[in-house]
Amino acid sequence: MFHYRTNDKKEIDFIIEVDNELFACEVKQSSSVKKEDFKHIIDLQSRYDKKCLGIVFYNGDTVIEFSDDLVALPFGMFL
């Protein structure tokens, strides 16, 4: 598990590597999520050749797929 931060201050809370795939995870307090919440994940995906799934955990109640490799998951799924 890693933390990601570029020189130009782009941050991702958690990077997890499993079987040569990356999971880039952001954690948000908000009860809603928008594609802009994935902007640093999208930047990471453009920089690396490895498959990278972007996940934003948030306080909503719906799983939202923004694309095949960007998904928002509510914290409530894990309770």
N, C-alpha and C. Protein backbone atom coordinates (compact mmCIF):
# COMPACT_ATOMS: atom_id res chain seq x y z
N MET A 1 0.85 -1.16 0.00
CA MET A 1 0.00 0.00 0.00
C MET A 1 0.90 1.23 0.00
N PHE A 2 0.54 2.20 -0.82
CA PHE A 2 1.34 3.40 -0.97
C PHE A 2 0.46 4.64 -0.92
N HIS A 3 1.09 5.76 -0.72
CA HIS A 3 0.47 7.09 -0.86
C HIS A 3 1.07 7.70 -2.11
N TYR A 4 0.31 8.48 -2.85
CA TYR A 4 0.80 9.04 -4.11
C TYR A 4 0.76 10.56 -4.03
N ARG A 5 1.87 11.19 -4.36
CA ARG A 5 1.91 12.65 -4.43
C ARG A 5 2.97 13.05 -5.44
N THR A 6 2.57 13.91 -6.38
CA THR A 6 3.49 14.38 -7.41
C THR A 6 4.13 15.69 -6.95
N ASN A 7 5.14 16.14 -7.68
CA ASN A 7 5.79 17.42 -7.37
C ASN A 7 4.82 18.59 -7.50
N ASP A 8 3.81 18.45 -8.36
CA ASP A 8 2.83 19.53 -8.53
C ASP A 8 1.61 19.32 -7.63
N LYS A 9 1.78 18.55 -6.54
CA LYS A 9 0.81 18.40 -5.44
C LYS A 9 -0.45 17.62 -5.79
N LYS A 10 -0.38 16.75 -6.76
CA LYS A 10 -1.50 15.84 -7.03
C LYS A 10 -1.37 14.67 -6.07
N GLU A 11 -2.43 14.41 -5.31
CA GLU A 11 -2.38 13.36 -4.29
C GLU A 11 -3.48 12.33 -4.47
N ILE A 12 -3.16 11.11 -4.11
CA ILE A 12 -4.14 10.03 -4.02
C ILE A 12 -3.92 9.38 -2.67
N ASP A 13 -5.01 9.15 -1.94
CA ASP A 13 -4.90 8.68 -0.56
C ASP A 13 -4.21 7.32 -0.45
N PHE A 14 -4.61 6.36 -1.28
CA PHE A 14 -4.04 5.01 -1.21
C PHE A 14 -3.83 4.45 -2.59
N ILE A 15 -2.68 3.81 -2.80
CA ILE A 15 -2.41 3.04 -4.00
C ILE A 15 -2.12 1.62 -3.54
N ILE A 16 -2.86 0.68 -4.05
CA ILE A 16 -2.68 -0.72 -3.68
C ILE A 16 -2.34 -1.47 -4.95
N GLU A 17 -1.28 -2.30 -4.90
CA GLU A 17 -0.90 -3.11 -6.06
C GLU A 17 -1.16 -4.58 -5.74
N VAL A 18 -1.94 -5.22 -6.62
CA VAL A 18 -2.25 -6.64 -6.48
C VAL A 18 -2.10 -7.28 -7.85
N ASP A 19 -1.25 -8.29 -7.95
CA ASP A 19 -1.06 -9.02 -9.22
C ASP A 19 -0.82 -8.08 -10.40
N ASN A 20 0.07 -7.11 -10.21
CA ASN A 20 0.47 -6.18 -11.26
C ASN A 20 -0.66 -5.25 -11.71
N GLU A 21 -1.69 -5.09 -10.91
CA GLU A 21 -2.76 -4.12 -11.15
C GLU A 21 -2.76 -3.12 -10.02
N LEU A 22 -3.07 -1.87 -10.35
CA LEU A 22 -3.15 -0.82 -9.34
C LEU A 22 -4.60 -0.51 -9.00
N PHE A 23 -4.83 -0.23 -7.73
CA PHE A 23 -6.11 0.28 -7.25
C PHE A 23 -5.80 1.63 -6.62
N ALA A 24 -6.28 2.68 -7.24
CA ALA A 24 -6.05 4.03 -6.72
C ALA A 24 -7.32 4.46 -5.99
N CYS A 25 -7.19 4.75 -4.69
CA CYS A 25 -8.35 5.00 -3.84
C CYS A 25 -8.30 6.38 -3.21
N GLU A 26 -9.38 7.10 -3.37
CA GLU A 26 -9.58 8.39 -2.71
C GLU A 26 -10.70 8.23 -1.70
N VAL A 27 -10.61 8.96 -0.60
CA VAL A 27 -11.64 8.92 0.44
C VAL A 27 -12.21 10.33 0.57
N LYS A 28 -13.53 10.46 0.42
CA LYS A 28 -14.21 11.75 0.49
C LYS A 28 -15.27 11.72 1.58
N GLN A 29 -15.43 12.83 2.28
CA GLN A 29 -16.47 12.97 3.30
C GLN A 29 -17.83 13.27 2.69
N SER A 30 -17.86 13.71 1.48
CA SER A 30 -19.08 14.17 0.82
C SER A 30 -20.11 13.05 0.63
N SER A 31 -21.38 13.43 0.60
CA SER A 31 -22.44 12.47 0.33
C SER A 31 -22.74 12.39 -1.17
N SER A 32 -22.00 13.15 -1.97
CA SER A 32 -22.13 13.06 -3.42
C SER A 32 -20.73 12.99 -4.02
N VAL A 33 -20.67 12.56 -5.26
CA VAL A 33 -19.38 12.43 -5.94
C VAL A 33 -19.57 12.83 -7.39
N LYS A 34 -18.52 13.43 -7.96
CA LYS A 34 -18.56 13.82 -9.37
C LYS A 34 -17.25 13.42 -10.03
N LYS A 35 -17.24 13.45 -11.33
CA LYS A 35 -16.05 12.97 -12.05
C LYS A 35 -14.80 13.75 -11.67
N GLU A 36 -14.93 15.01 -11.32
CA GLU A 36 -13.77 15.81 -10.93
C GLU A 36 -13.07 15.23 -9.70
N ASP A 37 -13.79 14.48 -8.86
CA ASP A 37 -13.18 13.85 -7.69
C ASP A 37 -12.15 12.80 -8.09
N PHE A 38 -12.15 12.39 -9.36
CA PHE A 38 -11.21 11.39 -9.88
C PHE A 38 -10.02 12.03 -10.60
N LYS A 39 -9.88 13.36 -10.59
CA LYS A 39 -8.90 14.02 -11.46
C LYS A 39 -7.46 13.55 -11.21
N HIS A 40 -7.09 13.31 -9.98
CA HIS A 40 -5.72 12.86 -9.72
C HIS A 40 -5.55 11.39 -10.08
N ILE A 41 -6.61 10.62 -9.93
CA ILE A 41 -6.58 9.22 -10.37
C ILE A 41 -6.43 9.14 -11.89
N ILE A 42 -7.18 9.97 -12.59
CA ILE A 42 -7.09 10.01 -14.05
C ILE A 42 -5.68 10.40 -14.49
N ASP A 43 -5.07 11.34 -13.77
CA ASP A 43 -3.69 11.72 -14.08
C ASP A 43 -2.75 10.53 -13.89
N LEU A 44 -2.91 9.80 -12.78
CA LEU A 44 -2.09 8.61 -12.55
C LEU A 44 -2.29 7.58 -13.66
N GLN A 45 -3.53 7.34 -14.05
CA GLN A 45 -3.81 6.37 -15.11
C GLN A 45 -3.11 6.75 -16.41
N SER A 46 -3.00 8.04 -16.69
CA SER A 46 -2.36 8.49 -17.93
C SER A 46 -0.83 8.34 -17.88
N ARG A 47 -0.26 8.24 -16.68
CA ARG A 47 1.19 8.17 -16.52
C ARG A 47 1.74 6.74 -16.50
N TYR A 48 0.89 5.76 -16.23
CA TYR A 48 1.37 4.39 -16.03
C TYR A 48 0.76 3.43 -17.04
N ASP A 49 1.53 2.41 -17.39
CA ASP A 49 1.06 1.40 -18.33
C ASP A 49 0.26 0.30 -17.65
N LYS A 50 0.40 0.16 -16.34
CA LYS A 50 -0.34 -0.89 -15.63
C LYS A 50 -1.83 -0.57 -15.60
N LYS A 51 -2.61 -1.64 -15.54
CA LYS A 51 -4.04 -1.45 -15.38
C LYS A 51 -4.29 -0.79 -14.02
N CYS A 52 -5.15 0.23 -13.99
CA CYS A 52 -5.38 0.98 -12.77
C CYS A 52 -6.88 1.25 -12.61
N LEU A 53 -7.47 0.69 -11.57
CA LEU A 53 -8.86 0.95 -11.25
C LEU A 53 -8.91 2.10 -10.26
N GLY A 54 -9.68 3.14 -10.58
CA GLY A 54 -9.84 4.29 -9.70
C GLY A 54 -11.11 4.15 -8.88
N ILE A 55 -10.98 4.30 -7.57
CA ILE A 55 -12.11 4.15 -6.66
C ILE A 55 -12.18 5.37 -5.76
N VAL A 56 -13.37 5.96 -5.66
CA VAL A 56 -13.61 7.01 -4.68
C VAL A 56 -14.63 6.47 -3.68
N PHE A 57 -14.23 6.40 -2.42
CA PHE A 57 -15.14 6.02 -1.35
C PHE A 57 -15.79 7.30 -0.84
N TYR A 58 -17.12 7.26 -0.66
CA TYR A 58 -17.82 8.47 -0.24
C TYR A 58 -19.00 8.10 0.66
N ASN A 59 -19.66 9.12 1.22
CA ASN A 59 -20.74 8.90 2.19
C ASN A 59 -22.13 8.79 1.56
N GLY A 60 -22.22 8.52 0.28
CA GLY A 60 -23.50 8.35 -0.38
C GLY A 60 -24.05 6.94 -0.18
N ASP A 61 -25.04 6.59 -1.00
CA ASP A 61 -25.66 5.27 -0.84
C ASP A 61 -25.78 4.50 -2.15
N THR A 62 -25.11 4.97 -3.19
CA THR A 62 -25.22 4.35 -4.51
C THR A 62 -23.84 4.10 -5.11
N VAL A 63 -23.67 2.93 -5.71
CA VAL A 63 -22.46 2.67 -6.50
C VAL A 63 -22.62 3.40 -7.81
N ILE A 64 -21.63 4.20 -8.18
CA ILE A 64 -21.70 4.99 -9.42
C ILE A 64 -20.49 4.64 -10.28
N GLU A 65 -20.75 4.16 -11.49
CA GLU A 65 -19.68 3.88 -12.45
C GLU A 65 -19.55 5.07 -13.38
N PHE A 66 -18.39 5.71 -13.34
CA PHE A 66 -18.13 6.83 -14.24
C PHE A 66 -17.53 6.35 -15.55
N SER A 67 -16.85 5.21 -15.50
CA SER A 67 -16.31 4.55 -16.70
C SER A 67 -15.92 3.13 -16.28
N ASP A 68 -15.35 2.38 -17.21
CA ASP A 68 -14.94 1.01 -16.89
C ASP A 68 -13.89 0.96 -15.78
N ASP A 69 -13.11 2.03 -15.63
CA ASP A 69 -12.03 2.00 -14.65
C ASP A 69 -12.13 3.11 -13.59
N LEU A 70 -13.32 3.70 -13.46
CA LEU A 70 -13.57 4.71 -12.42
C LEU A 70 -14.91 4.43 -11.77
N VAL A 71 -14.89 4.19 -10.45
CA VAL A 71 -16.13 3.85 -9.76
C VAL A 71 -16.16 4.51 -8.38
N ALA A 72 -17.33 4.97 -7.98
CA ALA A 72 -17.54 5.52 -6.64
C ALA A 72 -18.29 4.49 -5.80
N LEU A 73 -17.78 4.22 -4.60
CA LEU A 73 -18.38 3.22 -3.72
C LEU A 73 -18.76 3.87 -2.39
N PRO A 74 -19.98 3.64 -1.93
CA PRO A 74 -20.39 4.20 -0.64
C PRO A 74 -19.76 3.41 0.51
N PHE A 75 -19.37 4.13 1.57
CA PHE A 75 -18.83 3.47 2.76
C PHE A 75 -19.81 2.44 3.32
N GLY A 76 -21.10 2.70 3.23
CA GLY A 76 -22.12 1.83 3.78
C GLY A 76 -22.10 0.41 3.23
N MET A 77 -21.49 0.21 2.10
CA MET A 77 -21.39 -1.15 1.52
C MET A 77 -20.60 -2.09 2.42
N PHE A 78 -19.75 -1.53 3.26
CA PHE A 78 -18.81 -2.34 4.03
C PHE A 78 -19.23 -2.51 5.50
N LEU A 79 -20.41 -2.05 5.82
CA LEU A 79 -20.89 -2.18 7.21
C LEU A 79 -21.78 -3.36 7.38
